[in-house]
């Protein structure tokens, strides 16, 4: 009976939830090399700004330090999008690509009704790091129109890389504002920050090797709290803090006290600066290749854990993280080379995740807020152990390219940003 309930929802939502992009980055990121991507982007930006009659002086796009290095093997690869971050007001978003570039886009008006000739999405600002970006996070209050002068500016992004300190940058001009002290006092080397998060109280959380977590005030270079688990990972596992929990944007943005983080050794920890230790709450003996995401339902009661080398998303009750409550079944396995497929929870549509075929899987808000148990279920109903997607949204994009990142716009959840290889599209349901 429960299975039938999901199948009927699947049919209903499939008819209703197809989405067609109304603007995208065009052929810019389809170039064969990184250098050609930059040439295309610069050419289109110049054409756009020169034809603008408003008199507005656009900030010039930053140039990569590698722009003239044609013999660097790193310039030969295709460009892909690593992540997307929306502003809190939904008027802009930030993309991070593997060309070491960080781009800020304005959301254009939906004036074009011709779906075959989409508006071209070009960056408002762009700057580059001189090395690959291992981890990054933006201020949860990020907006281009920050009118609150009583708090630190919100147009900030923290970026972690190898053999470099964690650094805080301005999204507007790409200037480094602050370098945090991430040096290992024993060997004198900078520790790689594999995961990072900025919370609503301007605290910066970092995760590194040997299950080490540090907390910084966003405006100060020295850590205010630091600890690491004394538990050793099992053979073949990496004791690296891989992610911090993500709450739905636009939802309950209040601090919930302790924060969860995960490791590549399939461990879940609780971070609470009021205590002097990192507490391990869950260790799963599984063939999965480590936790890559921890997502929290909007009501904060349920935790959704994404692992590499897995074909399911695990669901836990936050009050009992030792026991797996249910799983969301995926029609594919998240291999190590497809780890950039990111799941996302928003306040209107529940949990969404792109697929290797370029579509988007979805489990609705009601199901997500009840931990995978439909709200009409009684205690006599059998335990649901594997829940298929309630719907699969199609976007009319190339089915041979994975949909790696899909994130709904806060304040307008029917609008979402989608990365498709390196290309970024803005889509609206029923478009």
Foldseek 3Di string as FASTA:
>chain_A
DVQVVLQVLAVVCQVFFAWAFQEWQPCLQVDQWQLSSVVVQQVVVVVVVVPDPPPDDFDDEADAPCNPVPPDPNRRHGKFWLAKAAALQLQKIWTQIQVQKIFIWGDDDSPDPPRVDHHHTHGSYMYGDNHGFLEKEFQLNDDPDDPDPVDPHRQWMWTWDAQAFIFIAGNRHGDTDDGAPQADPPPRTHFTFNYWYQANQQKIWTKGFQQKIFIDRNNDRYTPAIEGDPDDADPPFTRTFNYWEDEARLAPRDDPAWTWTWGQSQWIWIDHRVDRYIGTQEGDPDPFRIWNYWYAARVRQKIWTDTAQAQWIFIDGPVRRHDTQAIEGHPDGRHPVLVLFDWHQHQFAGIWTKDQQGKIFGDGNQCNVVRNDHPPDDPPDDRHHYHYTSYIYHHPDHRNWIFRDWGARRPHRQWIWIITTHMIGIIGTVD
